[in-house]
Amino acid sequence: MSAPIVKLFTQPNFAWTDIRKEEEAHPRHYLAHLLLLALIPAVCLFIGTTYVGWSLAENETVKLSTSSALQLCVMLYLTIIIGVVLMGMFIRWMSRAFDSRPTLNQCIGFAAYTATPFFLAGIAGLYPSRWLAIIVLGAAGAYSTFLLFVGLPTFMHERKQQGLLNAACVWGVGLLVLVTILVEMILLWFNVLTPEYVRATVG
């Protein structure tokens, strides 16, 4: 785990300063962070749905076929990338109303680092469970919100009051984008690709 990621969880204020400097010195530095960490939920979900499975009834385990799981995980990976890029574009658009004028790359980078808790929460996909997913995603959402409100004023060089207003707008749009693209992905997967399930009796 890289130093900026560790600092996001231990010293978030200092982390955003370091990340901003890195992005100014090396544009698109965030790409490695985004493309690699977005693999965590996709890969873990593939393993969890094909090798571990979940139980819908006593003594029965349900898994996805390899092809269906691969379709789901590729779609999830692309959805994550598209979602982060859309959020970066919105942050860039929002900045026109404030003193800060960050580049599009900087805005996408900010969105990518803010989503880090969600990337790491993807480890829960190794053990498919509704309640585990709710707990882990809830915690990830709470900490991402904290990173957003703490980091936006620092990363965008905005006054605190401006940054908090901007962060509230970004949070609202981010929630809308997250729900919309996830629902569309699930509908596409269920109605167009038609997942294949493998059921096995335990014991």
Protein backbone atom coordinates (compact mmCIF):
# COMPACT_ATOMS: atom_id res chain seq x y z
CA MET A 1 0.00 0.00 0.00
CA SER A 2 1.48 3.35 -1.08
CA ALA A 3 2.25 6.17 1.33
CA PRO A 4 -0.60 8.46 0.14
CA ILE A 5 -3.14 5.69 0.71
CA VAL A 6 -1.85 5.02 4.23
CA LYS A 7 -1.96 8.76 4.98
CA LEU A 8 -5.56 8.97 3.78
CA PHE A 9 -6.46 6.78 6.75
CA THR A 10 -3.96 8.09 9.28
CA GLN A 11 -3.31 11.76 8.38
CA PRO A 12 -5.93 12.79 5.78
CA ASN A 13 -5.10 16.51 5.91
CA PHE A 14 -1.43 15.90 5.11
CA ALA A 15 -2.38 13.25 2.54
CA TRP A 16 -4.39 15.72 0.45
CA THR A 17 -1.53 18.21 0.45
CA ASP A 18 0.90 15.52 -0.74
CA ILE A 19 -1.52 14.25 -3.38
CA ARG A 20 -2.11 17.76 -4.74
CA LYS A 21 1.64 18.37 -5.04
CA GLU A 22 2.12 15.02 -6.77
CA GLU A 23 -0.67 15.72 -9.25
CA GLU A 24 0.77 19.15 -10.03
CA ALA A 25 4.21 17.67 -10.65
CA HIS A 26 3.03 14.58 -12.53
CA PRO A 27 -0.31 14.95 -14.37
CA ARG A 28 -2.30 11.71 -14.60
CA HIS A 29 -0.37 10.30 -11.64
CA TYR A 30 -3.76 9.18 -10.29
CA LEU A 31 -4.28 6.75 -13.19
CA ALA A 32 -2.24 3.96 -11.61
CA HIS A 33 -4.13 4.42 -8.34
CA LEU A 34 -7.51 4.31 -10.08
CA LEU A 35 -6.86 1.49 -12.55
CA LEU A 36 -5.15 -0.80 -10.03
CA LEU A 37 -7.35 -0.25 -6.97
CA ALA A 38 -10.53 -0.51 -9.03
CA LEU A 39 -9.45 -4.10 -9.71
CA ILE A 40 -9.87 -5.01 -6.01
CA PRO A 41 -13.70 -5.17 -5.96
CA ALA A 42 -13.85 -6.77 -9.41
CA VAL A 43 -11.30 -9.52 -8.69
CA CYS A 44 -12.58 -10.23 -5.18
CA LEU A 45 -16.17 -10.44 -6.40
CA PHE A 46 -15.12 -12.86 -9.14
CA ILE A 47 -13.43 -15.12 -6.59
CA GLY A 48 -16.31 -14.87 -4.15
CA THR A 49 -19.07 -15.62 -6.64
CA THR A 50 -17.30 -18.49 -8.42
CA TYR A 51 -15.39 -20.26 -5.61
CA VAL A 52 -17.22 -19.36 -2.38
CA GLY A 53 -20.82 -18.66 -3.35
CA TRP A 54 -23.74 -17.79 -1.11
CA SER A 55 -26.65 -19.63 0.50
CA LEU A 56 -30.29 -18.98 -0.31
CA ALA A 57 -31.58 -22.11 1.39
CA GLU A 58 -30.29 -24.54 3.98
CA ASN A 59 -27.70 -27.01 2.65
CA GLU A 60 -27.53 -25.28 -0.73
CA THR A 61 -24.78 -23.08 -2.12
CA VAL A 62 -25.28 -20.87 -5.16
CA LYS A 63 -22.41 -19.74 -7.36
CA LEU A 64 -22.06 -17.99 -10.69
CA SER A 65 -20.69 -19.70 -13.74
CA THR A 66 -17.23 -18.49 -14.70
CA SER A 67 -18.51 -16.67 -17.79
CA SER A 68 -21.30 -14.89 -15.89
CA ALA A 69 -18.97 -13.89 -13.07
CA LEU A 70 -16.46 -12.56 -15.59
CA GLN A 71 -19.16 -10.51 -17.30
CA LEU A 72 -20.29 -9.09 -13.95
CA CYS A 73 -16.78 -8.18 -12.82
CA VAL A 74 -15.77 -6.58 -16.12
CA MET A 75 -18.95 -4.50 -16.01
CA LEU A 76 -18.27 -3.55 -12.38
CA TYR A 77 -14.70 -2.49 -13.22
CA LEU A 78 -15.83 -0.35 -16.15
CA THR A 79 -18.65 1.12 -14.07
CA ILE A 80 -16.20 2.17 -11.36
CA ILE A 81 -13.88 3.84 -13.88
CA ILE A 82 -16.75 5.62 -15.65
CA GLY A 83 -18.24 6.73 -12.31
CA VAL A 84 -14.96 8.25 -11.12
CA VAL A 85 -14.42 10.04 -14.44
CA LEU A 86 -17.98 11.44 -14.37
CA MET A 87 -17.46 12.70 -10.83
CA GLY A 88 -14.18 14.32 -11.86
CA MET A 89 -15.93 16.07 -14.73
CA PHE A 90 -18.64 17.32 -12.39
CA ILE A 91 -16.08 18.61 -9.86
CA ARG A 92 -14.33 20.42 -12.70
CA TRP A 93 -17.64 21.95 -13.83
CA MET A 94 -18.49 22.99 -10.27
CA SER A 95 -15.13 24.72 -9.84
CA ARG A 96 -16.18 27.44 -12.28
CA ALA A 97 -18.36 28.93 -9.53
CA PHE A 98 -15.41 29.13 -7.12
CA ASP A 99 -12.01 30.76 -7.04
CA SER A 100 -10.16 27.53 -7.76
CA ARG A 101 -9.46 26.45 -11.34
CA PRO A 102 -8.21 22.84 -11.12
CA THR A 103 -7.55 20.87 -14.29
CA LEU A 104 -9.77 17.98 -15.33
CA ASN A 105 -6.99 15.53 -14.47
CA GLN A 106 -6.72 16.97 -10.96
CA CYS A 107 -10.48 16.67 -10.47
CA ILE A 108 -10.57 13.07 -11.66
CA GLY A 109 -7.59 12.36 -9.41
CA PHE A 110 -9.41 13.85 -6.44
CA ALA A 111 -12.47 11.69 -7.15
CA ALA A 112 -10.26 8.60 -7.46
CA TYR A 113 -8.52 9.15 -4.12
CA THR A 114 -11.81 10.02 -2.40
CA ALA A 115 -13.21 6.67 -3.58
CA THR A 116 -10.29 4.74 -2.04
CA PRO A 117 -12.38 3.38 0.90
CA PHE A 118 -14.82 1.87 -1.61
CA PHE A 119 -11.98 0.22 -3.52
CA LEU A 120 -10.60 -1.35 -0.34
CA ALA A 121 -14.10 -2.35 0.78
CA GLY A 122 -14.20 -4.54 -2.32
CA ILE A 123 -12.23 -7.14 -0.36
CA ALA A 124 -15.57 -8.07 1.22
CA GLY A 125 -16.52 -9.51 -2.16
CA LEU A 126 -14.42 -12.56 -1.31
CA TYR A 127 -17.29 -13.68 0.93
CA PRO A 128 -20.63 -12.79 -0.68
CA SER A 129 -23.03 -11.81 2.10
CA ARG A 130 -25.80 -9.23 2.10
CA TRP A 131 -25.20 -8.07 5.67
CA LEU A 132 -21.43 -7.99 5.29
CA ALA A 133 -21.81 -5.89 2.14
CA ILE A 134 -24.18 -3.46 3.89
CA ILE A 135 -21.83 -3.00 6.86
CA VAL A 136 -18.63 -2.67 4.82
CA LEU A 137 -20.12 -0.38 2.16
CA GLY A 138 -21.75 1.74 4.86
CA ALA A 139 -18.39 2.22 6.59
CA ALA A 140 -16.68 2.95 3.27
CA GLY A 141 -19.35 5.51 2.38
CA ALA A 142 -18.97 7.25 5.72
CA TYR A 143 -15.19 7.53 5.43
CA SER A 144 -15.33 8.62 1.78
CA THR A 145 -17.72 11.39 2.86
CA PHE A 146 -15.25 12.42 5.56
CA LEU A 147 -12.39 12.47 3.02
CA LEU A 148 -14.50 14.56 0.66
CA PHE A 149 -15.35 17.25 3.21
CA VAL A 150 -11.84 17.32 4.67
CA GLY A 151 -10.00 17.13 1.38
CA LEU A 152 -11.86 19.32 -1.09
CA PRO A 153 -10.87 22.69 0.44
CA THR A 154 -7.23 21.58 0.65
CA PHE A 155 -7.01 19.88 -2.73
CA MET A 156 -8.81 22.65 -4.60
CA HIS A 157 -7.09 25.53 -2.76
CA GLU A 158 -10.47 26.89 -1.67
CA ARG A 159 -11.53 28.78 1.42
CA LYS A 160 -13.07 26.43 3.98
CA GLN A 161 -16.60 27.78 3.63
CA GLN A 162 -16.46 27.53 -0.17
CA GLY A 163 -14.96 24.04 0.06
CA LEU A 164 -17.71 22.77 2.36
CA LEU A 165 -20.44 24.10 0.08
CA ASN A 166 -18.73 22.57 -2.93
CA ALA A 167 -18.29 19.27 -1.08
CA ALA A 168 -21.99 19.13 -0.19
CA CYS A 169 -22.90 19.57 -3.87
CA VAL A 170 -20.37 16.93 -4.94
CA TRP A 171 -21.69 14.52 -2.30
CA GLY A 172 -25.25 14.85 -3.54
CA VAL A 173 -24.34 14.39 -7.19
CA GLY A 174 -21.98 11.54 -6.29
CA LEU A 175 -24.78 9.65 -4.57
CA LEU A 176 -27.02 10.14 -7.59
CA VAL A 177 -24.31 8.99 -10.01
CA LEU A 178 -23.47 5.95 -7.85
CA VAL A 179 -27.07 4.76 -7.62
CA THR A 180 -27.84 5.44 -11.29
CA ILE A 181 -24.87 3.64 -12.83
CA LEU A 182 -25.08 0.68 -10.45
CA VAL A 183 -28.79 0.19 -11.16
CA GLU A 184 -28.19 0.42 -14.91
CA MET A 185 -25.32 -2.08 -14.66
CA ILE A 186 -27.43 -4.57 -12.70
CA LEU A 187 -30.41 -4.22 -15.07
CA LEU A 188 -28.14 -4.75 -18.08
CA TRP A 189 -26.54 -7.80 -16.49
CA PHE A 190 -29.86 -9.40 -15.50
CA ASN A 191 -31.95 -8.54 -18.54
CA VAL A 192 -29.45 -8.65 -21.39
CA LEU A 193 -26.58 -10.92 -20.39
CA THR A 194 -28.75 -13.29 -18.30
CA PRO A 195 -26.51 -14.69 -15.53
CA GLU A 196 -26.00 -18.44 -15.16
CA TYR A 197 -26.12 -19.94 -11.67
CA VAL A 198 -24.51 -23.12 -10.39
CA ARG A 199 -26.32 -24.71 -7.44
CA ALA A 200 -24.70 -27.30 -5.20
CA THR A 201 -26.06 -29.24 -2.24
CA VAL A 202 -23.91 -29.10 0.90
CA GLY A 203 -23.59 -32.15 3.18
